[in-house]
Amino acid sequence: MSNDAAPLPYLLILYISGSTPLSVRALVSIRDICETHLPGRYELEIIDILLHPSRVAEDQVIATPTLIRKSPLPMRRFIGDMSQKDRILRGLGLSSAPGGGV
């Protein structure tokens, strides 16, 4: 069997509330993590709960910012300060080295 299988793409959803400083910081941090550690291997959906309140119940969001990893499974959820990149990387199953994977 070959080890050349392409890594699974990451499907991430970031819930924010408007353009508050915490929301902006979360967006910048998550985009940086994705571009550095998952280049070409991710889809990031940004949902502003002020514009799309129905999505809150759908994904059971209790606070913002919230990052949800829908895939690869198992689903993971991160709530609060997204600037703690090492915590986010560990939770996503990624190495802290750029381009690091699972």
PDB file of N, CA and C in Angstrom:
ATOM      1  N   MET A   1       0.838  -1.176   0.000  1.00  0.00           N
ATOM      2  CA  MET A   1       0.000   0.000   0.000  1.00  0.00           C
ATOM      3  C   MET A   1       0.884   1.241   0.000  1.00  0.00           C
ATOM      4  N   SER A   2       0.481   2.266  -0.694  1.00  0.00           N
ATOM      5  CA  SER A   2       1.276   3.480  -0.835  1.00  0.00           C
ATOM      6  C   SER A   2       0.941   4.491   0.247  1.00  0.00           C
ATOM      7  N   ASN A   3       1.948   5.266   0.662  1.00  0.00           N
ATOM      8  CA  ASN A   3       1.744   6.348   1.614  1.00  0.00           C
ATOM      9  C   ASN A   3       1.493   7.666   0.907  1.00  0.00           C
ATOM     10  N   ASP A   4       1.203   7.622  -0.402  1.00  0.00           N
ATOM     11  CA  ASP A   4       1.009   8.830  -1.191  1.00  0.00           C
ATOM     12  C   ASP A   4      -0.426   9.340  -1.143  1.00  0.00           C
ATOM     13  N   ALA A   5      -1.273   8.751  -0.316  1.00  0.00           N
ATOM     14  CA  ALA A   5      -2.663   9.193  -0.237  1.00  0.00           C
ATOM     15  C   ALA A   5      -2.714  10.648   0.221  1.00  0.00           C
ATOM     16  N   ALA A   6      -3.552  11.411  -0.447  1.00  0.00           N
ATOM     17  CA  ALA A   6      -3.688  12.825  -0.093  1.00  0.00           C
ATOM     18  C   ALA A   6      -4.332  12.936   1.282  1.00  0.00           C
ATOM     19  N   PRO A   7      -3.827  13.860   2.114  1.00  0.00           N
ATOM     20  CA  PRO A   7      -4.427  14.054   3.429  1.00  0.00           C
ATOM     21  C   PRO A   7      -5.872  14.532   3.282  1.00  0.00           C
ATOM     22  N   LEU A   8      -6.690  14.147   4.234  1.00  0.00           N
ATOM     23  CA  LEU A   8      -8.085  14.567   4.202  1.00  0.00           C
ATOM     24  C   LEU A   8      -8.185  16.082   4.323  1.00  0.00           C
ATOM     25  N   PRO A   9      -9.097  16.690   3.576  1.00  0.00           N
ATOM     26  CA  PRO A   9      -9.291  18.135   3.724  1.00  0.00           C
ATOM     27  C   PRO A   9      -9.988  18.437   5.051  1.00  0.00           C
ATOM     28  N   TYR A  10      -9.696  19.589   5.588  1.00  0.00           N
ATOM     29  CA  TYR A  10     -10.310  20.037   6.829  1.00  0.00           C
ATOM     30  C   TYR A  10     -11.490  20.936   6.493  1.00  0.00           C
ATOM     31  N   LEU A  11     -12.648  20.649   7.084  1.00  0.00           N
ATOM     32  CA  LEU A  11     -13.813  21.506   6.970  1.00  0.00           C
ATOM     33  C   LEU A  11     -13.990  22.192   8.313  1.00  0.00           C
ATOM     34  N   LEU A  12     -13.791  23.502   8.330  1.00  0.00           N
ATOM     35  CA  LEU A  12     -13.841  24.285   9.555  1.00  0.00           C
ATOM     36  C   LEU A  12     -14.928  25.343   9.451  1.00  0.00           C
ATOM     37  N   ILE A  13     -15.621  25.571  10.558  1.00  0.00           N
ATOM     38  CA  ILE A  13     -16.625  26.628  10.627  1.00  0.00           C
ATOM     39  C   ILE A  13     -16.262  27.519  11.803  1.00  0.00           C
ATOM     40  N   LEU A  14     -16.123  28.812  11.536  1.00  0.00           N
ATOM     41  CA  LEU A  14     -15.815  29.782  12.584  1.00  0.00           C
ATOM     42  C   LEU A  14     -17.036  30.658  12.803  1.00  0.00           C
ATOM     43  N   TYR A  15     -17.570  30.603  14.010  1.00  0.00           N
ATOM     44  CA  TYR A  15     -18.691  31.456  14.395  1.00  0.00           C
ATOM     45  C   TYR A  15     -18.142  32.698  15.088  1.00  0.00           C
ATOM     46  N   ILE A  16     -18.569  33.858  14.604  1.00  0.00           N
ATOM     47  CA  ILE A  16     -18.170  35.133  15.195  1.00  0.00           C
ATOM     48  C   ILE A  16     -19.426  35.962  15.444  1.00  0.00           C
ATOM     49  N   SER A  17     -19.265  37.049  16.197  1.00  0.00           N
ATOM     50  CA  SER A  17     -20.399  37.952  16.425  1.00  0.00           C
ATOM     51  C   SER A  17     -19.995  39.358  16.007  1.00  0.00           C
ATOM     52  N   GLY A  18     -20.319  39.693  14.767  1.00  0.00           N
ATOM     53  CA  GLY A  18     -20.012  41.019  14.246  1.00  0.00           C
ATOM     54  C   GLY A  18     -18.524  41.219  14.041  1.00  0.00           C
ATOM     55  N   SER A  19     -18.125  42.478  14.093  1.00  0.00           N
ATOM     56  CA  SER A  19     -16.706  42.812  13.874  1.00  0.00           C
ATOM     57  C   SER A  19     -16.057  43.301  15.160  1.00  0.00           C
ATOM     58  N   THR A  20     -16.374  42.632  16.262  1.00  0.00           N
ATOM     59  CA  THR A  20     -15.753  42.966  17.538  1.00  0.00           C
ATOM     60  C   THR A  20     -14.267  42.634  17.480  1.00  0.00           C
ATOM     61  N   PRO A  21     -13.458  43.252  18.335  1.00  0.00           N
ATOM     62  CA  PRO A  21     -12.025  42.933  18.336  1.00  0.00           C
ATOM     63  C   PRO A  21     -11.749  41.436  18.519  1.00  0.00           C
ATOM     64  N   LEU A  22     -12.508  40.769  19.371  1.00  0.00           N
ATOM     65  CA  LEU A  22     -12.310  39.332  19.596  1.00  0.00           C
ATOM     66  C   LEU A  22     -12.634  38.529  18.331  1.00  0.00           C
ATOM     67  N   SER A  23     -13.691  38.924  17.630  1.00  0.00           N
ATOM     68  CA  SER A  23     -14.055  38.242  16.380  1.00  0.00           C
ATOM     69  C   SER A  23     -12.997  38.444  15.308  1.00  0.00           C
ATOM     70  N   VAL A  24     -12.523  39.673  15.176  1.00  0.00           N
ATOM     71  CA  VAL A  24     -11.500  39.979  14.172  1.00  0.00           C
ATOM     72  C   VAL A  24     -10.219  39.219  14.476  1.00  0.00           C
ATOM     73  N   ARG A  25      -9.823  39.198  15.747  1.00  0.00           N
ATOM     74  CA  ARG A  25      -8.603  38.480  16.141  1.00  0.00           C
ATOM     75  C   ARG A  25      -8.745  36.979  15.866  1.00  0.00           C
ATOM     76  N   ALA A  26      -9.922  36.424  16.140  1.00  0.00           N
ATOM     77  CA  ALA A  26     -10.158  35.001  15.874  1.00  0.00           C
ATOM     78  C   ALA A  26     -10.060  34.709  14.383  1.00  0.00           C
ATOM     79  N   LEU A  27     -10.648  35.555  13.571  1.00  0.00           N
ATOM     80  CA  LEU A  27     -10.625  35.360  12.123  1.00  0.00           C
ATOM     81  C   LEU A  27      -9.202  35.409  11.579  1.00  0.00           C
ATOM     82  N   VAL A  28      -8.432  36.395  12.012  1.00  0.00           N
ATOM     83  CA  VAL A  28      -7.040  36.523  11.564  1.00  0.00           C
ATOM     84  C   VAL A  28      -6.225  35.308  12.009  1.00  0.00           C
ATOM     85  N   SER A  29      -6.403  34.897  13.245  1.00  0.00           N
ATOM     86  CA  SER A  29      -5.642  33.775  13.794  1.00  0.00           C
ATOM     87  C   SER A  29      -5.961  32.466  13.073  1.00  0.00           C
ATOM     88  N   ILE A  30      -7.236  32.185  12.859  1.00  0.00           N
ATOM     89  CA  ILE A  30      -7.624  30.927  12.214  1.00  0.00           C
ATOM     90  C   ILE A  30      -7.191  30.912  10.756  1.00  0.00           C
ATOM     91  N   ARG A  31      -7.330  32.031  10.068  1.00  0.00           N
ATOM     92  CA  ARG A  31      -6.856  32.083   8.672  1.00  0.00           C
ATOM     93  C   ARG A  31      -5.351  31.857   8.605  1.00  0.00           C
ATOM     94  N   ASP A  32      -4.609  32.434   9.549  1.00  0.00           N
ATOM     95  CA  ASP A  32      -3.156  32.241   9.586  1.00  0.00           C
ATOM     96  C   ASP A  32      -2.815  30.769   9.826  1.00  0.00           C
ATOM     97  N   ILE A  33      -3.493  30.147  10.774  1.00  0.00           N
ATOM     98  CA  ILE A  33      -3.264  28.726  11.046  1.00  0.00           C
ATOM     99  C   ILE A  33      -3.541  27.898   9.794  1.00  0.00           C
ATOM    100  N   CYS A  34      -4.644  28.165   9.137  1.00  0.00           N
ATOM    101  CA  CYS A  34      -5.017  27.394   7.940  1.00  0.00           C
ATOM    102  C   CYS A  34      -4.012  27.580   6.813  1.00  0.00           C
ATOM    103  N   GLU A  35      -3.622  28.812   6.544  1.00  0.00           N
ATOM    104  CA  GLU A  35      -2.683  29.073   5.447  1.00  0.00           C
ATOM    105  C   GLU A  35      -1.288  28.521   5.744  1.00  0.00           C
ATOM    106  N   THR A  36      -0.898  28.529   7.009  1.00  0.00           N
ATOM    107  CA  THR A  36       0.427  28.050   7.392  1.00  0.00           C
ATOM    108  C   THR A  36       0.487  26.529   7.493  1.00  0.00           C
ATOM    109  N   HIS A  37      -0.542  25.920   8.066  1.00  0.00           N
ATOM    110  CA  HIS A  37      -0.491  24.494   8.387  1.00  0.00           C
ATOM    111  C   HIS A  37      -1.366  23.607   7.504  1.00  0.00           C
ATOM    112  N   LEU A  38      -2.289  24.208   6.751  1.00  0.00           N
ATOM    113  CA  LEU A  38      -3.190  23.420   5.901  1.00  0.00           C
ATOM    114  C   LEU A  38      -3.314  24.019   4.501  1.00  0.00           C
ATOM    115  N   PRO A  39      -2.230  24.478   3.909  1.00  0.00           N
ATOM    116  CA  PRO A  39      -2.357  25.150   2.611  1.00  0.00           C
ATOM    117  C   PRO A  39      -2.991  24.237   1.560  1.00  0.00           C
ATOM    118  N   GLY A  40      -4.091  24.712   0.983  1.00  0.00           N
ATOM    119  CA  GLY A  40      -4.774  23.948  -0.047  1.00  0.00           C
ATOM    120  C   GLY A  40      -5.557  22.747   0.453  1.00  0.00           C
ATOM    121  N   ARG A  41      -5.634  22.562   1.776  1.00  0.00           N
ATOM    122  CA  ARG A  41      -6.293  21.370   2.337  1.00  0.00           C
ATOM    123  C   ARG A  41      -7.427  21.727   3.288  1.00  0.00           C
ATOM    124  N   TYR A  42      -8.002  22.913   3.129  1.00  0.00           N
ATOM    125  CA  TYR A  42      -9.046  23.291   4.070  1.00  0.00           C
ATOM    126  C   TYR A  42     -10.131  24.115   3.390  1.00  0.00           C
ATOM    127  N   GLU A  43     -11.299  24.080   4.019  1.00  0.00           N
ATOM    128  CA  GLU A  43     -12.396  24.965   3.662  1.00  0.00           C
ATOM    129  C   GLU A  43     -12.829  25.627   4.961  1.00  0.00           C
ATOM    130  N   LEU A  44     -12.817  26.948   4.988  1.00  0.00           N
ATOM    131  CA  LEU A  44     -13.175  27.703   6.185  1.00  0.00           C
ATOM    132  C   LEU A  44     -14.436  28.499   5.904  1.00  0.00           C
ATOM    133  N   GLU A  45     -15.484  28.184   6.643  1.00  0.00           N
ATOM    134  CA  GLU A  45     -16.744  28.919   6.526  1.00  0.00           C
ATOM    135  C   GLU A  45     -16.841  29.864   7.718  1.00  0.00           C
ATOM    136  N   ILE A  46     -17.099  31.133   7.447  1.00  0.00           N
ATOM    137  CA  ILE A  46     -17.238  32.140   8.498  1.00  0.00           C
ATOM    138  C   ILE A  46     -18.725  32.446   8.643  1.00  0.00           C
ATOM    139  N   ILE A  47     -19.245  32.321   9.850  1.00  0.00           N
ATOM    140  CA  ILE A  47     -20.656  32.606  10.095  1.00  0.00           C
ATOM    141  C   ILE A  47     -20.762  33.666  11.181  1.00  0.00           C
ATOM    142  N   ASP A  48     -21.332  34.798  10.810  1.00  0.00           N
ATOM    143  CA  ASP A  48     -21.600  35.877  11.761  1.00  0.00           C
ATOM    144  C   ASP A  48     -22.980  35.605  12.349  1.00  0.00           C
ATOM    145  N   ILE A  49     -23.037  35.338  13.648  1.00  0.00           N
ATOM    146  CA  ILE A  49     -24.312  34.976  14.267  1.00  0.00           C
ATOM    147  C   ILE A  49     -25.301  36.135  14.277  1.00  0.00           C
ATOM    148  N   LEU A  50     -24.815  37.355  14.121  1.00  0.00           N
ATOM    149  CA  LEU A  50     -25.728  38.493  14.052  1.00  0.00           C
ATOM    150  C   LEU A  50     -26.475  38.513  12.720  1.00  0.00           C
ATOM    151  N   LEU A  51     -25.847  37.992  11.680  1.00  0.00           N
ATOM    152  CA  LEU A  51     -26.465  37.939  10.352  1.00  0.00           C
ATOM    153  C   LEU A  51     -27.194  36.621  10.097  1.00  0.00           C
ATOM    154  N   HIS A  52     -26.755  35.553  10.752  1.00  0.00           N
ATOM    155  CA  HIS A  52     -27.323  34.215  10.529  1.00  0.00           C
ATOM    156  C   HIS A  52     -27.621  33.530  11.865  1.00  0.00           C
ATOM    157  N   PRO A  53     -28.548  34.074  12.651  1.00  0.00           N
ATOM    158  CA  PRO A  53     -28.808  33.507  13.982  1.00  0.00           C
ATOM    159  C   PRO A  53     -29.340  32.077  13.958  1.00  0.00           C
ATOM    160  N   SER A  54     -29.957  31.656  12.864  1.00  0.00           N
ATOM    161  CA  SER A  54     -30.496  30.293  12.809  1.00  0.00           C
ATOM    162  C   SER A  54     -29.399  29.236  12.846  1.00  0.00           C
ATOM    163  N   ARG A  55     -28.215  29.586  12.427  1.00  0.00           N
ATOM    164  CA  ARG A  55     -27.102  28.622  12.417  1.00  0.00           C
ATOM    165  C   ARG A  55     -26.612  28.294  13.828  1.00  0.00           C
ATOM    166  N   VAL A  56     -26.882  29.168  14.787  1.00  0.00           N
ATOM    167  CA  VAL A  56     -26.438  28.951  16.169  1.00  0.00           C
ATOM    168  C   VAL A  56     -27.027  27.651  16.718  1.00  0.00           C
ATOM    169  N   ALA A  57     -28.317  27.465  16.545  1.00  0.00           N
ATOM    170  CA  ALA A  57     -28.968  26.254  17.048  1.00  0.00           C
ATOM    171  C   ALA A  57     -28.515  25.024  16.272  1.00  0.00           C
ATOM    172  N   GLU A  58     -28.309  25.192  14.981  1.00  0.00           N
ATOM    173  CA  GLU A  58     -27.909  24.073  14.126  1.00  0.00           C
ATOM    174  C   GLU A  58     -26.627  23.413  14.622  1.00  0.00           C
ATOM    175  N   ASP A  59     -25.646  24.224  15.011  1.00  0.00           N
ATOM    176  CA  ASP A  59     -24.368  23.685  15.489  1.00  0.00           C
ATOM    177  C   ASP A  59     -24.198  23.823  16.999  1.00  0.00           C
ATOM    178  N   GLN A  60     -25.267  24.172  17.695  1.00  0.00           N
ATOM    179  CA  GLN A  60     -25.263  24.277  19.156  1.00  0.00           C
ATOM    180  C   GLN A  60     -24.136  25.172  19.661  1.00  0.00           C
ATOM    181  N   VAL A  61     -24.045  26.361  19.089  1.00  0.00           N
ATOM    182  CA  VAL A  61     -23.032  27.333  19.487  1.00  0.00           C
ATOM    183  C   VAL A  61     -23.534  28.069  20.722  1.00  0.00           C
ATOM    184  N   ILE A  62     -22.716  28.092  21.784  1.00  0.00           N
ATOM    185  CA  ILE A  62     -23.122  28.739  23.030  1.00  0.00           C
ATOM    186  C   ILE A  62     -22.363  30.029  23.302  1.00  0.00           C
ATOM    187  N   ALA A  63     -21.284  30.271  22.563  1.00  0.00           N
ATOM    188  CA  ALA A  63     -20.477  31.481  22.752  1.00  0.00           C
ATOM    189  C   ALA A  63     -19.683  31.726  21.479  1.00  0.00           C
ATOM    190  N   THR A  64     -19.218  32.957  21.330  1.00  0.00           N
ATOM    191  CA  THR A  64     -18.349  33.271  20.191  1.00  0.00           C
ATOM    192  C   THR A  64     -17.079  33.908  20.710  1.00  0.00           C
ATOM    193  N   PRO A  65     -15.994  33.729  19.985  1.00  0.00           N
ATOM    194  CA  PRO A  65     -15.880  32.910  18.785  1.00  0.00           C
ATOM    195  C   PRO A  65     -15.872  31.422  19.116  1.00  0.00           C
ATOM    196  N   THR A  66     -16.398  30.648  18.185  1.00  0.00           N
ATOM    197  CA  THR A  66     -16.372  29.186  18.261  1.00  0.00           C
ATOM    198  C   THR A  66     -15.870  28.653  16.928  1.00  0.00           C
ATOM    199  N   LEU A  67     -14.901  27.764  16.983  1.00  0.00           N
ATOM    200  CA  LEU A  67     -14.393  27.086  15.796  1.00  0.00           C
ATOM    201  C   LEU A  67     -14.817  25.628  15.884  1.00  0.00           C
ATOM    202  N   ILE A  68     -15.432  25.125  14.812  1.00  0.00           N
ATOM    203  CA  ILE A  68     -15.848  23.727  14.761  1.00  0.00           C
ATOM    204  C   ILE A  68     -15.121  23.049  13.609  1.00  0.00           C
ATOM    205  N   ARG A  69     -14.458  21.941  13.927  1.00  0.00           N
ATOM    206  CA  ARG A  69     -13.865  21.104  12.882  1.00  0.00           C
ATOM    207  C   ARG A  69     -14.881  20.019  12.570  1.00  0.00           C
ATOM    208  N   LYS A  70     -15.521  20.124  11.398  1.00  0.00           N
ATOM    209  CA  LYS A  70     -16.517  19.139  10.969  1.00  0.00           C
ATOM    210  C   LYS A  70     -15.844  17.890  10.420  1.00  0.00           C
ATOM    211  N   SER A  71     -14.728  18.077   9.728  1.00  0.00           N
ATOM    212  CA  SER A  71     -13.971  16.939   9.224  1.00  0.00           C
ATOM    213  C   SER A  71     -12.508  17.342   9.148  1.00  0.00           C
ATOM    214  N   PRO A  72     -11.605  16.386   9.286  1.00  0.00           N
ATOM    215  CA  PRO A  72     -11.880  14.964   9.472  1.00  0.00           C
ATOM    216  C   PRO A  72     -12.473  14.680  10.850  1.00  0.00           C
ATOM    217  N   LEU A  73     -13.184  13.571  10.921  1.00  0.00           N
ATOM    218  CA  LEU A  73     -13.781  13.154  12.187  1.00  0.00           C
ATOM    219  C   LEU A  73     -12.700  12.699  13.150  1.00  0.00           C
ATOM    220  N   PRO A  74     -12.886  12.774  14.438  1.00  0.00           N
ATOM    221  CA  PRO A  74     -14.092  13.213  15.117  1.00  0.00           C
ATOM    222  C   PRO A  74     -14.224  14.735  15.083  1.00  0.00           C
ATOM    223  N   MET A  75     -15.471  15.200  15.153  1.00  0.00           N
ATOM    224  CA  MET A  75     -15.716  16.625  15.185  1.00  0.00           C
ATOM    225  C   MET A  75     -15.095  17.208  16.460  1.00  0.00           C
ATOM    226  N   ARG A  76     -14.508  18.395  16.326  1.00  0.00           N
ATOM    227  CA  ARG A  76     -13.901  19.077  17.482  1.00  0.00           C
ATOM    228  C   ARG A  76     -14.467  20.476  17.564  1.00  0.00           C
ATOM    229  N   ARG A  77     -14.476  21.043  18.766  1.00  0.00           N
ATOM    230  CA  ARG A  77     -15.037  22.365  19.010  1.00  0.00           C
ATOM    231  C   ARG A  77     -14.075  23.154  19.898  1.00  0.00           C
ATOM    232  N   PHE A  78     -13.828  24.396  19.501  1.00  0.00           N
ATOM    233  CA  PHE A  78     -12.962  25.297  20.263  1.00  0.00           C
ATOM    234  C   PHE A  78     -13.755  26.561  20.545  1.00  0.00           C
ATOM    235  N   ILE A  79     -13.773  26.976  21.797  1.00  0.00           N
ATOM    236  CA  ILE A  79     -14.559  28.141  22.193  1.00  0.00           C
ATOM    237  C   ILE A  79     -13.639  29.140  22.875  1.00  0.00           C
ATOM    238  N   GLY A  80     -13.764  30.412  22.481  1.00  0.00           N
ATOM    239  CA  GLY A  80     -13.022  31.467  23.165  1.00  0.00           C
ATOM    240  C   GLY A  80     -11.851  31.992  22.378  1.00  0.00           C
ATOM    241  N   ASP A  81     -10.766  32.241  23.078  1.00  0.00           N
ATOM    242  CA  ASP A  81      -9.594  32.913  22.517  1.00  0.00           C
ATOM    243  C   ASP A  81      -8.907  32.042  21.469  1.00  0.00           C
ATOM    244  N   MET A  82      -8.962  32.483  20.223  1.00  0.00           N
ATOM    245  CA  MET A  82      -8.349  31.726  19.125  1.00  0.00           C
ATOM    246  C   MET A  82      -6.898  32.126  18.886  1.00  0.00           C
ATOM    247  N   SER A  83      -6.372  33.019  19.712  1.00  0.00           N
ATOM    248  CA  SER A  83      -4.980  33.431  19.524  1.00  0.00           C
ATOM    249  C   SER A  83      -4.002  32.442  20.165  1.00  0.00           C
ATOM    250  N   GLN A  84      -4.503  31.478  20.917  1.00  0.00           N
ATOM    251  CA  GLN A  84      -3.649  30.447  21.516  1.00  0.00           C
ATOM    252  C   GLN A  84      -3.413  29.361  20.466  1.00  0.00           C
ATOM    253  N   LYS A  85      -2.528  29.671  19.525  1.00  0.00           N
ATOM    254  CA  LYS A  85      -2.351  28.826  18.343  1.00  0.00           C
ATOM    255  C   LYS A  85      -1.911  27.408  18.677  1.00  0.00           C
ATOM    256  N   ASP A  86      -1.034  27.237  19.660  1.00  0.00           N
ATOM    257  CA  ASP A  86      -0.588  25.881  20.005  1.00  0.00           C
ATOM    258  C   ASP A  86      -1.758  25.011  20.451  1.00  0.00           C
ATOM    259  N   ARG A  87      -2.667  25.582  21.227  1.00  0.00           N
ATOM    260  CA  ARG A  87      -3.850  24.847  21.698  1.00  0.00           C
ATOM    261  C   ARG A  87      -4.734  24.456  20.511  1.00  0.00           C
ATOM    262  N   ILE A  88      -4.935  25.386  19.591  1.00  0.00           N
ATOM    263  CA  ILE A  88      -5.758  25.111  18.412  1.00  0.00           C
ATOM    264  C   ILE A  88      -5.090  24.039  17.548  1.00  0.00           C
ATOM    265  N   LEU A  89      -3.788  24.169  17.331  1.00  0.00           N
ATOM    266  CA  LEU A  89      -3.064  23.190  16.509  1.00  0.00           C
ATOM    267  C   LEU A  89      -3.156  21.791  17.107  1.00  0.00           C
ATOM    268  N   ARG A  90      -2.930  21.682  18.414  1.00  0.00           N
ATOM    269  CA  ARG A  90      -3.034  20.373  19.075  1.00  0.00           C
ATOM    270  C   ARG A  90      -4.439  19.803  18.914  1.00  0.00           C
ATOM    271  N   GLY A  91      -5.429  20.647  19.116  1.00  0.00           N
ATOM    272  CA  GLY A  91      -6.815  20.204  19.001  1.00  0.00           C
ATOM    273  C   GLY A  91      -7.188  19.765  17.600  1.00  0.00           C
ATOM    274  N   LEU A  92      -6.581  20.402  16.608  1.00  0.00           N
ATOM    275  CA  LEU A  92      -6.832  20.026  15.217  1.00  0.00           C
ATOM    276  C   LEU A  92      -6.015  18.808  14.802  1.00  0.00           C
ATOM    277  N   GLY A  93      -5.085  18.387  15.671  1.00  0.00           N
ATOM    278  CA  GLY A  93      -4.234  17.243  15.349  1.00  0.00           C
ATOM    279  C   GLY A  93      -3.106  17.601  14.417  1.00  0.00           C
ATOM    280  N   LEU A  94      -2.626  18.844  14.508  1.00  0.00           N
ATOM    281  CA  LEU A  94      -1.561  19.321  13.629  1.00  0.00           C
ATOM    282  C   LEU A  94      -0.290  19.574  14.412  1.00  0.00           C
ATOM    283  N   SER A  95       0.829  19.445  13.734  1.00  0.00           N
ATOM    284  CA  SER A  95       2.127  19.786  14.296  1.00  0.00           C
ATOM    285  C   SER A  95       2.249  21.295  14.324  1.00  0.00           C
ATOM    286  N   SER A  96       3.070  21.833  15.215  1.00  0.00           N
ATOM    287  CA  SER A  96       3.264  23.281  15.255  1.00  0.00           C
ATOM    288  C   SER A  96       4.226  23.759  14.175  1.00  0.00           C
ATOM    289  N   ALA A  97       4.871  22.827  13.452  1.00  0.00           N
ATOM    290  CA  ALA A  97       5.760  23.213  12.348  1.00  0.00           C
ATOM    291  C   ALA A  97       4.913  23.565  11.131  1.00  0.00           C
ATOM    292  N   PRO A  98       5.258  24.636  10.404  1.00  0.00           N
ATOM    293  CA  PRO A  98       4.490  24.996   9.206  1.00  0.00           C
ATOM    294  C   PRO A  98       4.384  23.818   8.248  1.00  0.00           C
ATOM    295  N   GLY A  99       3.181  23.621   7.722  1.00  0.00           N
ATOM    296  CA  GLY A  99       2.943  22.511   6.801  1.00  0.00           C
ATOM    297  C   GLY A  99       2.793  21.183   7.520  1.00  0.00           C
ATOM    298  N   GLY A 100       2.905  21.228   8.864  1.00  0.00           N
ATOM    299  CA  GLY A 100       2.818  20.001   9.646  1.00  0.00           C
ATOM    300  C   GLY A 100       1.434  19.409   9.576  1.00  0.00           C
ATOM    301  N   GLY A 101       1.387  18.118   9.491  1.00  0.00           N
ATOM    302  CA  GLY A 101       0.099  17.451   9.366  1.00  0.00           C
ATOM    303  C   GLY A 101      -0.117  16.464  10.478  1.00  0.00           C
ATOM    304  N   VAL A 102      -1.068  15.609  10.238  1.00  0.00           N
ATOM    305  CA  VAL A 102      -1.440  14.617  11.240  1.00  0.00           C
ATOM    306  C   VAL A 102      -0.497  13.453  11.237  1.00  0.00           C
TER     307      VAL A 102
END
